[in-house]
Structure formats: structure tokens, C-alpha cells
C-alpha atoms as a PDB file:
ATOM      1  CA  MET A   1    -153.820  56.216  -6.358  1.00  0.00           C
ATOM      2  CA  LYS A   2    -152.172  55.855  -2.942  1.00  0.00           C
ATOM      3  CA  TYR A   3    -149.187  57.737  -1.510  1.00  0.00           C
ATOM      4  CA  LEU A   4    -147.036  56.511   1.360  1.00  0.00           C
ATOM      5  CA  LEU A   5    -145.533  58.991   3.754  1.00  0.00           C
ATOM      6  CA  SER A   6    -142.936  58.289   6.460  1.00  0.00           C
ATOM      7  CA  VAL A   7    -142.727  60.778   9.279  1.00  0.00           C
ATOM      8  CA  SER A   8    -140.052  60.772  11.977  1.00  0.00           C
ATOM      9  CA  LEU A   9    -140.142  63.077  14.969  1.00  0.00           C
ATOM     10  CA  LEU A  10    -137.155  63.559  17.223  1.00  0.00           C
ATOM     11  CA  LEU A  11    -138.004  64.920  20.641  1.00  0.00           C
ATOM     12  CA  CYS A  12    -135.193  66.616  22.514  1.00  0.00           C
ATOM     13  CA  SER A  13    -135.048  65.638  26.178  1.00  0.00           C
ATOM     14  CA  SER A  14    -132.625  64.187  28.676  1.00  0.00           C
ATOM     15  CA  SER A  15    -133.388  60.812  27.059  1.00  0.00           C
ATOM     16  CA  PRO A  16    -134.114  61.522  23.375  1.00  0.00           C
ATOM     17  CA  LEU A  17    -137.179  59.696  22.133  1.00  0.00           C
ATOM     18  CA  VAL A  18    -137.829  59.043  18.465  1.00  0.00           C
ATOM     19  CA  TRP A  19    -141.372  58.665  17.253  1.00  0.00           C
ATOM     20  CA  SER A  20    -141.597  57.000  13.890  1.00  0.00           C
ATOM     21  CA  PHE A  21    -144.785  56.745  11.908  1.00  0.00           C
ATOM     22  CA  THR A  22    -145.323  55.144   8.506  1.00  0.00           C
ATOM     23  CA  PRO A  23    -148.924  56.125   7.806  1.00  0.00           C
ATOM     24  CA  THR A  24    -150.801  55.895   4.547  1.00  0.00           C
ATOM     25  CA  THR A  25    -152.768  58.785   3.076  1.00  0.00           C
ATOM     26  CA  PHE A  26    -155.799  57.592   1.169  1.00  0.00           C
ATOM     27  CA  ILE A  27    -156.694  59.300  -2.083  1.00  0.00           C
ATOM     28  CA  SER A  28    -160.271  59.105  -3.337  1.00  0.00           C
ATOM     29  CA  THR A  29    -161.173  56.249  -5.645  1.00  0.00           C
ATOM     30  CA  ARG A  30    -163.063  56.802  -8.892  1.00  0.00           C
ATOM     31  CA  GLY A  31    -166.504  58.222  -8.276  1.00  0.00           C
ATOM     32  CA  ARG A  32    -165.706  59.554  -4.768  1.00  0.00           C
ATOM     33  CA  THR A  33    -163.888  62.778  -4.030  1.00  0.00           C
ATOM     34  CA  SER A  34    -162.945  64.815  -1.012  1.00  0.00           C
ATOM     35  CA  SER A  35    -161.387  68.221  -0.558  1.00  0.00           C
ATOM     36  CA  SER A  36    -157.954  66.768   0.278  1.00  0.00           C
ATOM     37  CA  SER A  37    -158.000  64.153  -2.495  1.00  0.00           C
ATOM     38  CA  SER A  38    -159.172  66.680  -5.095  1.00  0.00           C
ATOM     39  CA  SER A  39    -156.220  68.926  -4.471  1.00  0.00           C
ATOM     40  CA  LEU A  40    -153.829  65.988  -4.737  1.00  0.00           C
ATOM     41  CA  GLU A  41    -155.406  64.733  -7.961  1.00  0.00           C
ATOM     42  CA  ALA A  42    -155.317  68.182  -9.430  1.00  0.00           C
ATOM     43  CA  THR A  43    -151.647  68.466  -8.621  1.00  0.00           C
ATOM     44  CA  SER A  44    -150.892  65.110 -10.182  1.00  0.00           C
ATOM     45  CA  ASN A  45    -152.533  66.236 -13.434  1.00  0.00           C
ATOM     46  CA  GLU A  46    -150.283  69.264 -13.738  1.00  0.00           C
ATOM     47  CA  SER A  47    -146.967  69.167 -15.593  1.00  0.00           C
ATOM     48  CA  SER A  48    -144.386  66.803 -14.209  1.00  0.00           C
ATOM     49  CA  SER A  49    -141.903  69.600 -13.557  1.00  0.00           C
ATOM     50  CA  PRO A  50    -139.744  69.489 -10.403  1.00  0.00           C
ATOM     51  CA  THR A  51    -141.809  72.347  -8.993  1.00  0.00           C
ATOM     52  CA  SER A  52    -145.053  70.416  -9.411  1.00  0.00           C
ATOM     53  CA  ARG A  53    -143.573  67.284  -7.871  1.00  0.00           C
ATOM     54  CA  ARG A  54    -142.247  69.334  -4.957  1.00  0.00           C
ATOM     55  CA  ASN A  55    -145.700  70.867  -4.424  1.00  0.00           C
ATOM     56  CA  LEU A  56    -147.224  67.415  -4.454  1.00  0.00           C
ATOM     57  CA  LEU A  57    -144.870  66.167  -1.766  1.00  0.00           C
ATOM     58  CA  GLN A  58    -145.380  69.283   0.345  1.00  0.00           C
ATOM     59  CA  ASN A  59    -149.181  69.025   0.104  1.00  0.00           C
ATOM     60  CA  THR A  60    -149.079  65.320   0.915  1.00  0.00           C
ATOM     61  CA  ALA A  61    -146.885  65.897   3.953  1.00  0.00           C
ATOM     62  CA  ALA A  62    -149.081  68.709   5.221  1.00  0.00           C
ATOM     63  CA  ALA A  63    -152.215  66.611   4.862  1.00  0.00           C
ATOM     64  CA  ALA A  64    -150.619  63.654   6.602  1.00  0.00           C
ATOM     65  CA  LEU A  65    -149.344  65.697   9.505  1.00  0.00           C
ATOM     66  CA  GLY A  66    -152.737  67.302   9.965  1.00  0.00           C
ATOM     67  CA  ILE A  67    -154.709  64.071   9.749  1.00  0.00           C
ATOM     68  CA  LEU A  68    -152.494  61.267  10.974  1.00  0.00           C
ATOM     69  CA  ILE A  69    -150.727  62.589  14.062  1.00  0.00           C
ATOM     70  CA  SER A  70    -153.788  62.260  16.203  1.00  0.00           C
ATOM     71  CA  PRO A  71    -154.032  62.605  19.989  1.00  0.00           C
ATOM     72  CA  GLN A  72    -154.470  58.844  20.151  1.00  0.00           C
ATOM     73  CA  LEU A  73    -151.140  58.196  18.417  1.00  0.00           C
ATOM     74  CA  ALA A  74    -149.351  60.775  20.519  1.00  0.00           C
ATOM     75  CA  SER A  75    -150.840  59.315  23.693  1.00  0.00           C
ATOM     76  CA  ALA A  76    -149.792  55.776  22.763  1.00  0.00           C
ATOM     77  CA  SER A  77    -146.221  56.914  22.241  1.00  0.00           C
ATOM     78  CA  ALA A  78    -146.219  58.910  25.485  1.00  0.00           C
ATOM     79  CA  ASP A  79    -147.315  55.807  27.396  1.00  0.00           C
ATOM     80  CA  ASP A  80    -144.083  54.090  26.375  1.00  0.00           C
ATOM     81  CA  LYS A  81    -141.707  56.910  27.271  1.00  0.00           C
ATOM     82  CA  PRO A  82    -138.921  55.918  29.679  1.00  0.00           C
ATOM     83  CA  THR A  83    -139.686  57.182  33.192  1.00  0.00           C
ATOM     84  CA  ASN A  84    -137.473  57.283  36.260  1.00  0.00           C
ATOM     85  CA  VAL A  85    -139.216  56.024  39.400  1.00  0.00           C
ATOM     86  CA  TYR A  86    -138.130  54.636  42.763  1.00  0.00           C
ATOM     87  CA  PHE A  87    -139.537  52.384  45.470  1.00  0.00           C
ATOM     88  CA  GLY A  88    -138.368  51.791  49.024  1.00  0.00           C
ATOM     89  CA  VAL A  89    -139.433  49.508  51.870  1.00  0.00           C
ATOM     90  CA  GLY A  90    -136.811  48.521  54.408  1.00  0.00           C
ATOM     91  CA  CYS A  91    -133.305  47.413  53.399  1.00  0.00           C
ATOM     92  CA  PHE A  92    -132.620  48.091  49.742  1.00  0.00           C
ATOM     93  CA  TRP A  93    -130.555  44.940  49.056  1.00  0.00           C
ATOM     94  CA  HIS A  94    -133.610  42.671  49.014  1.00  0.00           C
ATOM     95  CA  ILE A  95    -135.733  45.207  47.138  1.00  0.00           C
ATOM     96  CA  GLN A  96    -133.178  45.550  44.349  1.00  0.00           C
ATOM     97  CA  HIS A  97    -133.170  41.810  43.765  1.00  0.00           C
ATOM     98  CA  GLU A  98    -136.960  41.706  43.554  1.00  0.00           C
ATOM     99  CA  PHE A  99    -137.075  44.530  41.015  1.00  0.00           C
ATOM    100  CA  VAL A 100    -134.345  42.923  38.927  1.00  0.00           C
ATOM    101  CA  VAL A 101    -136.636  39.890  38.789  1.00  0.00           C
ATOM    102  CA  ALA A 102    -139.533  42.212  37.852  1.00  0.00           C
ATOM    103  CA  GLU A 103    -137.590  43.863  35.035  1.00  0.00           C
ATOM    104  CA  ARG A 104    -136.799  40.464  33.574  1.00  0.00           C
ATOM    105  CA  LYS A 105    -140.349  39.185  34.005  1.00  0.00           C
ATOM    106  CA  LEU A 106    -142.371  42.237  32.978  1.00  0.00           C
ATOM    107  CA  LEU A 107    -140.056  43.833  30.405  1.00  0.00           C
ATOM    108  CA  ASN A 108    -138.012  40.832  29.215  1.00  0.00           C
ATOM    109  CA  ARG A 109    -134.825  42.754  29.903  1.00  0.00           C
ATOM    110  CA  LYS A 110    -131.433  41.143  29.575  1.00  0.00           C
ATOM    111  CA  ASP A 111    -128.621  41.564  32.098  1.00  0.00           C
ATOM    112  CA  ASN A 112    -127.100  44.534  30.273  1.00  0.00           C
ATOM    113  CA  GLU A 113    -130.510  46.252  30.133  1.00  0.00           C
ATOM    114  CA  LEU A 114    -131.302  46.137  33.852  1.00  0.00           C
ATOM    115  CA  THR A 115    -131.779  49.538  35.489  1.00  0.00           C
ATOM    116  CA  SER A 116    -132.757  48.727  39.093  1.00  0.00           C
ATOM    117  CA  LEU A 117    -130.113  50.235  41.383  1.00  0.00           C
ATOM    118  CA  THR A 118    -129.954  50.830  45.114  1.00  0.00           C
ATOM    119  CA  GLY A 119    -129.922  54.415  46.290  1.00  0.00           C
ATOM    120  CA  TYR A 120    -131.314  57.103  48.564  1.00  0.00           C
ATOM    121  CA  ALA A 121    -134.234  59.509  48.257  1.00  0.00           C
ATOM    122  CA  GLY A 122    -136.743  61.546  50.226  1.00  0.00           C
ATOM    123  CA  GLY A 123    -134.376  63.874  52.024  1.00  0.00           C
ATOM    124  CA  LYS A 124    -134.275  67.645  51.742  1.00  0.00           C
ATOM    125  CA  LYS A 125    -130.562  68.106  51.161  1.00  0.00           C
ATOM    126  CA  THR A 126    -127.163  66.709  50.232  1.00  0.00           C
ATOM    127  CA  ASP A 127    -123.688  67.656  51.380  1.00  0.00           C
ATOM    128  CA  LYS A 128    -121.860  70.600  49.793  1.00  0.00           C
ATOM    129  CA  GLU A 129    -120.607  68.360  46.995  1.00  0.00           C
ATOM    130  CA  GLY A 130    -124.070  67.024  46.187  1.00  0.00           C
ATOM    131  CA  ARG A 131    -123.401  63.639  47.742  1.00  0.00           C
ATOM    132  CA  VAL A 132    -125.657  61.306  49.698  1.00  0.00           C
ATOM    133  CA  CYS A 133    -123.775  58.371  51.238  1.00  0.00           C
ATOM    134  CA  TYR A 134    -124.309  55.307  53.359  1.00  0.00           C
ATOM    135  CA  HIS A 135    -123.327  55.406  57.050  1.00  0.00           C
ATOM    136  CA  ASN A 136    -119.551  55.724  57.241  1.00  0.00           C
ATOM    137  CA  PHE A 137    -116.853  56.320  59.853  1.00  0.00           C
ATOM    138  CA  GLN A 138    -115.885  59.613  58.214  1.00  0.00           C
ATOM    139  CA  SER A 139    -119.445  60.957  58.658  1.00  0.00           C
ATOM    140  CA  VAL A 140    -119.463  62.039  55.024  1.00  0.00           C
ATOM    141  CA  ALA A 141    -122.946  62.944  53.741  1.00  0.00           C
ATOM    142  CA  ASP A 142    -124.664  60.325  55.930  1.00  0.00           C
ATOM    143  CA  TYR A 143    -128.022  59.602  54.295  1.00  0.00           C
ATOM    144  CA  GLY A 144    -129.776  59.129  57.627  1.00  0.00           C
ATOM    145  CA  LYS A 145    -128.602  62.471  58.952  1.00  0.00           C
ATOM    146  CA  LEU A 146    -129.629  64.106  55.664  1.00  0.00           C
ATOM    147  CA  GLY A 147    -133.173  62.697  55.975  1.00  0.00           C
ATOM    148  CA  HIS A 148    -133.112  60.166  53.136  1.00  0.00           C
ATOM    149  CA  GLY A 149    -134.504  56.647  52.987  1.00  0.00           C
ATOM    150  CA  GLU A 150    -133.220  53.543  51.215  1.00  0.00           C
ATOM    151  CA  VAL A 151    -134.843  53.019  47.808  1.00  0.00           C
ATOM    152  CA  VAL A 152    -134.353  51.264  44.490  1.00  0.00           C
ATOM    153  CA  GLY A 153    -134.487  53.466  41.419  1.00  0.00           C
ATOM    154  CA  MET A 154    -135.225  52.255  37.902  1.00  0.00           C
ATOM    155  CA  ASN A 155    -136.095  53.454  34.416  1.00  0.00           C
ATOM    156  CA  ILE A 156    -139.239  51.821  33.021  1.00  0.00           C
ATOM    157  CA  PRO A 157    -141.897  52.570  30.381  1.00  0.00           C
ATOM    158  CA  GLU A 158    -144.587  54.849  31.753  1.00  0.00           C
ATOM    159  CA  ALA A 159    -147.179  52.256  30.740  1.00  0.00           C
ATOM    160  CA  SER A 160    -145.543  49.748  33.125  1.00  0.00           C
ATOM    161  CA  ILE A 161    -145.728  51.862  36.290  1.00  0.00           C
ATOM    162  CA  GLY A 162    -148.951  50.185  37.401  1.00  0.00           C
ATOM    163  CA  ASP A 163    -147.429  46.702  37.033  1.00  0.00           C
ATOM    164  CA  PHE A 164    -144.314  47.700  38.954  1.00  0.00           C
ATOM    165  CA  ALA A 165    -146.480  49.218  41.674  1.00  0.00           C
ATOM    166  CA  LYS A 166    -148.192  45.840  42.085  1.00  0.00           C
ATOM    167  CA  GLU A 167    -144.790  44.198  42.413  1.00  0.00           C
ATOM    168  CA  TYR A 168    -143.833  46.777  45.021  1.00  0.00           C
ATOM    169  CA  PHE A 169    -146.863  46.234  47.228  1.00  0.00           C
ATOM    170  CA  SER A 170    -146.401  42.471  46.968  1.00  0.00           C
ATOM    171  CA  LEU A 171    -143.161  42.972  48.932  1.00  0.00           C
ATOM    172  CA  PHE A 172    -145.096  43.901  52.091  1.00  0.00           C
ATOM    173  CA  THR A 173    -146.330  41.242  54.492  1.00  0.00           C
ATOM    174  CA  GLU A 174    -150.009  40.369  54.796  1.00  0.00           C
ATOM    175  CA  LYS A 175    -150.181  42.876  57.641  1.00  0.00           C
ATOM    176  CA  GLY A 176    -148.757  45.626  55.473  1.00  0.00           C
ATOM    177  CA  GLU A 177    -145.334  45.648  57.087  1.00  0.00           C
ATOM    178  CA  ARG A 178    -141.841  45.445  55.651  1.00  0.00           C
ATOM    179  CA  VAL A 179    -140.113  42.085  55.896  1.00  0.00           C
ATOM    180  CA  ASP A 180    -137.296  43.470  58.062  1.00  0.00           C
ATOM    181  CA  PRO A 181    -139.034  45.242  60.979  1.00  0.00           C
ATOM    182  CA  MET A 182    -135.833  44.964  63.002  1.00  0.00           C
ATOM    183  CA  ASP A 183    -134.443  47.783  60.852  1.00  0.00           C
ATOM    184  CA  ARG A 184    -135.977  50.912  62.348  1.00  0.00           C
ATOM    185  CA  GLY A 185    -135.852  54.609  61.666  1.00  0.00           C
ATOM    186  CA  GLY A 186    -136.593  56.991  58.845  1.00  0.00           C
ATOM    187  CA  GLU A 187    -133.880  55.376  56.737  1.00  0.00           C
ATOM    188  CA  TYR A 188    -136.131  52.323  56.328  1.00  0.00           C
ATOM    189  CA  ARG A 189    -139.471  54.053  55.809  1.00  0.00           C
ATOM    190  CA  SER A 190    -141.748  53.074  52.935  1.00  0.00           C
ATOM    191  CA  LEU A 191    -141.726  55.583  50.094  1.00  0.00           C
ATOM    192  CA  LEU A 192    -142.055  55.750  46.342  1.00  0.00           C
ATOM    193  CA  GLY A 193    -141.195  58.451  43.843  1.00  0.00           C
ATOM    194  CA  LEU A 194    -142.896  59.537  40.604  1.00  0.00           C
ATOM    195  CA  PRO A 195    -142.291  62.645  38.490  1.00  0.00           C
ATOM    196  CA  GLY A 196    -144.959  64.995  39.830  1.00  0.00           C
ATOM    197  CA  GLY A 197    -145.797  62.677  42.732  1.00  0.00           C
ATOM    198  CA  MET A 198    -149.548  62.305  43.186  1.00  0.00           C
ATOM    199  CA  ASN A 199    -150.120  64.396  40.052  1.00  0.00           C
ATOM    200  CA  HIS A 200    -148.486  61.852  37.778  1.00  0.00           C
ATOM    201  CA  PRO A 201    -150.922  60.361  35.215  1.00  0.00           C
ATOM    202  CA  SER A 202    -150.171  56.831  36.475  1.00  0.00           C
ATOM    203  CA  TYR A 203    -150.807  57.657  40.119  1.00  0.00           C
ATOM    204  CA  PRO A 204    -154.351  56.156  40.099  1.00  0.00           C
ATOM    205  CA  LEU A 205    -152.782  52.792  39.175  1.00  0.00           C
ATOM    206  CA  VAL A 206    -150.388  53.069  42.107  1.00  0.00           C
ATOM    207  CA  GLU A 207    -153.276  54.043  44.359  1.00  0.00           C
ATOM    208  CA  ALA A 208    -155.267  50.988  43.230  1.00  0.00           C
ATOM    209  CA  ALA A 209    -152.316  48.688  43.978  1.00  0.00           C
ATOM    210  CA  ALA A 210    -151.999  50.199  47.464  1.00  0.00           C
ATOM    211  CA  LYS A 211    -155.708  49.849  48.141  1.00  0.00           C
ATOM    212  CA  ALA A 212    -155.631  46.196  47.098  1.00  0.00           C
ATOM    213  CA  LYS A 213    -153.015  45.660  49.808  1.00  0.00           C
ATOM    214  CA  GLY A 214    -155.005  47.619  52.381  1.00  0.00           C
ATOM    215  CA  MET A 215    -152.444  50.396  52.562  1.00  0.00           C
ATOM    216  CA  SER A 216    -152.716  54.171  52.431  1.00  0.00           C
ATOM    217  CA  LEU A 217    -150.663  56.680  50.467  1.00  0.00           C
ATOM    218  CA  VAL A 218    -149.555  59.959  52.019  1.00  0.00           C
ATOM    219  CA  LYS A 219    -147.848  62.881  50.330  1.00  0.00           C
ATOM    220  CA  GLY A 220    -144.209  62.982  51.431  1.00  0.00           C
ATOM    221  CA  GLU A 221    -142.852  66.274  52.696  1.00  0.00           C
ATOM    222  CA  GLY A 222    -139.185  65.272  52.890  1.00  0.00           C
ATOM    223  CA  ASN A 223    -137.211  63.984  55.894  1.00  0.00           C
ATOM    224  CA  ASP A 224    -140.292  61.964  56.826  1.00  0.00           C
ATOM    225  CA  PRO A 225    -140.333  59.598  59.825  1.00  0.00           C
ATOM    226  CA  ASP A 226    -140.540  55.810  59.841  1.00  0.00           C
ATOM    227  CA  THR A 227    -143.719  54.118  58.614  1.00  0.00           C
ATOM    228  CA  LEU A 228    -143.391  50.979  60.736  1.00  0.00           C
ATOM    229  CA  GLY A 229    -146.782  49.880  62.078  1.00  0.00           C
ATOM    230  CA  LYS A 230    -148.705  52.480  60.057  1.00  0.00           C
ATOM    231  CA  LYS A 231    -149.528  50.552  56.830  1.00  0.00           C
ATOM    232  CA  MET A 232    -148.678  53.615  54.777  1.00  0.00           C
ATOM    233  CA  VAL A 233    -146.300  54.736  52.039  1.00  0.00           C
ATOM    234  CA  TYR A 234    -145.037  58.230  51.359  1.00  0.00           C
ATOM    235  CA  VAL A 235    -145.477  59.415  47.772  1.00  0.00           C
ATOM    236  CA  MET A 236    -142.676  61.712  46.688  1.00  0.00           C
ATOM    237  CA  ASP A 237    -142.407  64.055  43.739  1.00  0.00           C
ATOM    238  CA  SER A 238    -139.151  62.742  42.283  1.00  0.00           C
ATOM    239  CA  ASN A 239    -138.556  66.089  40.595  1.00  0.00           C
ATOM    240  CA  ALA A 240    -138.313  67.700  44.035  1.00  0.00           C
ATOM    241  CA  TYR A 241    -136.881  64.658  45.848  1.00  0.00           C
ATOM    242  CA  PRO A 242    -134.630  62.904  43.325  1.00  0.00           C
ATOM    243  CA  PHE A 243    -132.896  59.558  43.464  1.00  0.00           C
ATOM    244  CA  TYR A 244    -129.228  59.381  44.498  1.00  0.00           C
ATOM    245  CA  GLN A 245    -127.458  56.184  43.466  1.00  0.00           C
ATOM    246  CA  ALA A 246    -125.838  54.232  46.296  1.00  0.00           C
ATOM    247  CA  GLU A 247    -122.220  53.156  46.378  1.00  0.00           C
ATOM    248  CA  VAL A 248    -120.882  50.337  44.197  1.00  0.00           C
ATOM    249  CA  TYR A 249    -120.611  48.094  47.267  1.00  0.00           C
ATOM    250  CA  HIS A 250    -124.379  48.176  47.768  1.00  0.00           C
ATOM    251  CA  GLN A 251    -125.296  47.150  44.207  1.00  0.00           C
ATOM    252  CA  PHE A 252    -126.517  43.566  43.563  1.00  0.00           C
ATOM    253  CA  HIS A 253    -125.700  42.618  47.145  1.00  0.00           C
ATOM    254  CA  ASN A 254    -127.009  39.628  49.089  1.00  0.00           C
ATOM    255  CA  ASP A 255    -129.453  40.421  51.876  1.00  0.00           C
ATOM    256  CA  PHE A 256    -130.191  38.860  55.250  1.00  0.00           C
ATOM    257  CA  GLN A 257    -133.790  37.795  54.571  1.00  0.00           C
ATOM    258  CA  SER A 258    -133.042  35.304  51.801  1.00  0.00           C
ATOM    259  CA  PRO A 259    -130.451  32.702  50.824  1.00  0.00           C
ATOM    260  CA  ALA A 260    -127.499  34.125  48.871  1.00  0.00           C
ATOM    261  CA  TYR A 261    -128.551  35.159  45.368  1.00  0.00           C
ATOM    262  CA  GLY A 262    -125.493  33.618  43.764  1.00  0.00           C
ATOM    263  CA  LYS A 263    -122.363  34.744  41.953  1.00  0.00           C
ATOM    264  CA  ALA A 264    -124.181  35.440  38.680  1.00  0.00           C
ATOM    265  CA  TYR A 265    -126.403  37.995  40.406  1.00  0.00           C
ATOM    266  CA  ASN A 266    -123.581  39.506  42.488  1.00  0.00           C
ATOM    267  CA  GLY A 267    -121.453  39.764  39.352  1.00  0.00           C
ATOM    268  CA  LEU A 268    -123.971  42.002  37.604  1.00  0.00           C
ATOM    269  CA  VAL A 269    -122.318  44.966  39.304  1.00  0.00           C
ATOM    270  CA  ASP A 270    -119.081  44.502  37.369  1.00  0.00           C
ATOM    271  CA  ALA A 271    -120.750  44.781  33.989  1.00  0.00           C
ATOM    272  CA  ALA A 272    -122.892  47.690  35.219  1.00  0.00           C
ATOM    273  CA  VAL A 273    -119.788  49.612  36.305  1.00  0.00           C
ATOM    274  CA  ASP A 274    -118.009  48.827  33.043  1.00  0.00           C
ATOM    275  CA  ASP A 275    -120.846  50.074  30.848  1.00  0.00           C
ATOM    276  CA  GLY A 276    -121.609  53.107  33.003  1.00  0.00           C
ATOM    277  CA  ARG A 277    -124.988  52.142  34.440  1.00  0.00           C
ATOM    278  CA  VAL A 278    -123.418  52.211  37.914  1.00  0.00           C
ATOM    279  CA  LYS A 279    -121.428  55.340  38.695  1.00  0.00           C
ATOM    280  CA  ILE A 280    -118.661  56.019  41.189  1.00  0.00           C
ATOM    281  CA  THR A 281    -120.409  58.290  43.704  1.00  0.00           C
ATOM    282  CA  GLY A 282    -117.514  59.959  45.468  1.00  0.00           C
ATOM    283  CA  CYS A 283    -118.704  58.513  48.770  1.00  0.00           C
ATOM    284  CA  PRO A 284    -116.581  56.261  51.000  1.00  0.00           C
ATOM    285  CA  ASP A 285    -116.948  52.878  49.322  1.00  0.00           C
ATOM    286  CA  ARG A 286    -115.718  49.307  49.570  1.00  0.00           C
ATOM    287  CA  ILE A 287    -115.154  48.089  46.029  1.00  0.00           C
END
């Protein structure tokens, strides 16, 4: 006899994650018994009253939960959990385009599933309203003055962090420099952010990608200086140094290192604003 049990677990978090298992509990065949199967067989031989059937289901569920939700299953599900990360190296317009390409290539995401957005990170503070803004004539929450750098933030499966790290380090030149060395200052420093920083479980994969490029990783302390000429990247704990989305104007923008990306790419911002993936920041903006 074989019983099928479906178990669904709903984890409460900022991004709810549902784990769904449909495992099978195996009952002993004739001539072979085990402690768990014996109890189930004994139950099945009792009267078919509602109480007996309820006991059977309860015992089956308890056995399945104890046996089937193994560390391996939990680990596999954890590997796929959505994780917010960010990467920065020079001007964020070019970097956003490259990570949009990476999301499509590595995750097969469609236009309405893209999460790569330009923004700011790595600074120690915001203005009184919690804003971080691009340089503006009003001097409102200037990201450079607040110690932030230009980055691209995205939400990807934890299991894909290593692949995205490889994409990131491929954006540096053979000499380990950013492609726009004419942009100078802490605003253009190289930095990346993971929850927990160097303590994140995927950090060794990031470290391997950096080593393959001949670059070093240094723990970021916030308001860090430029990395130009140093072949290094600051690693930030994104819990302590979070990502602040940039203004609408800076999303899906052409850059000055490449030919124009085209109207289809530039137009992605409209759909992203409409469906809420891109927010109005409260900063001076040109929409």
C-alpha cells in the first residue's frame, strides 16, 4: 500500500516564498516491515470510523514531515530564493544594459520580468527624507556628497549569484579597469553588495570570479574612495548599505561607450513605471 502526501510551506518574509513538496511515503511490502510502516498498517486494520481515518492521516503527515523534509531539500529550495544584490563599476547606464542582457541570457526573463535598475549605494547616509539623488542644481540629496557610488541593483535567485558575478567581472578591461576611466571620483568606484557582505554563502563564488580576473576584494566601510588604478572592488553588506533606486530619467538610458541601444530598450522604462518596478523617487527628475 502506498500513500501520497502533499505538503505546502508558506514562509513569511518581505518576498513570500512557497515551498511545495509532493513526496511519497513508502509502506512496507509483504514480508518486510519497519516501525513506521507497522504503525500505519495497524491503523489501516482498525475500524473505518472517521476517528481512525483522521489518526491515519495525522500519523502519515507526521512521518512524512519527519522523514521527507530533509536538509538537502531545504537547502535546494534556499538556493533558489530571490536575493537582492547590486554591482557597480563606472557609469551605471552601460552596466544596466549589460545586466539586462544577463537576466535574459541566464534567467530567460522577459521584458516585464527584468529587475536590473540603476541606483546608488555604499554611502553612510541619506537626506532627512531618506532620499539619495543624482547631481542636481537644487543640491538635493546629492549622491556624491552623501558618499554613494553608482550601481545597478537586481533581484536574482541565490543560486545565480556566482554566474552574475562572472558577468560583472567581464565588464572590466583586461587590465582590471572600468571602461570609462574619464569618470573619476568615489561616485564611480567599483563595488558590489550582498546581504551579509563577505559572510554571504555565495561569497566564495564571487571571490573566485574576481580572482579569475586578477582582481582583489576589499570590505567596504562606506563612503569609500575611488578604485581607479587599484584593480579592486569593495564588497558591501547590503543590509547595512542598501540600494537606492535612481531617478526615472536614468533607467534604460543610452550610454557614451556604445552605440544607442535602441527605442525598444529605452522604452522598457515606461512599462517598468506602469507596473511599479520603477518608482518615483522624490528626487529632481527629468521624465
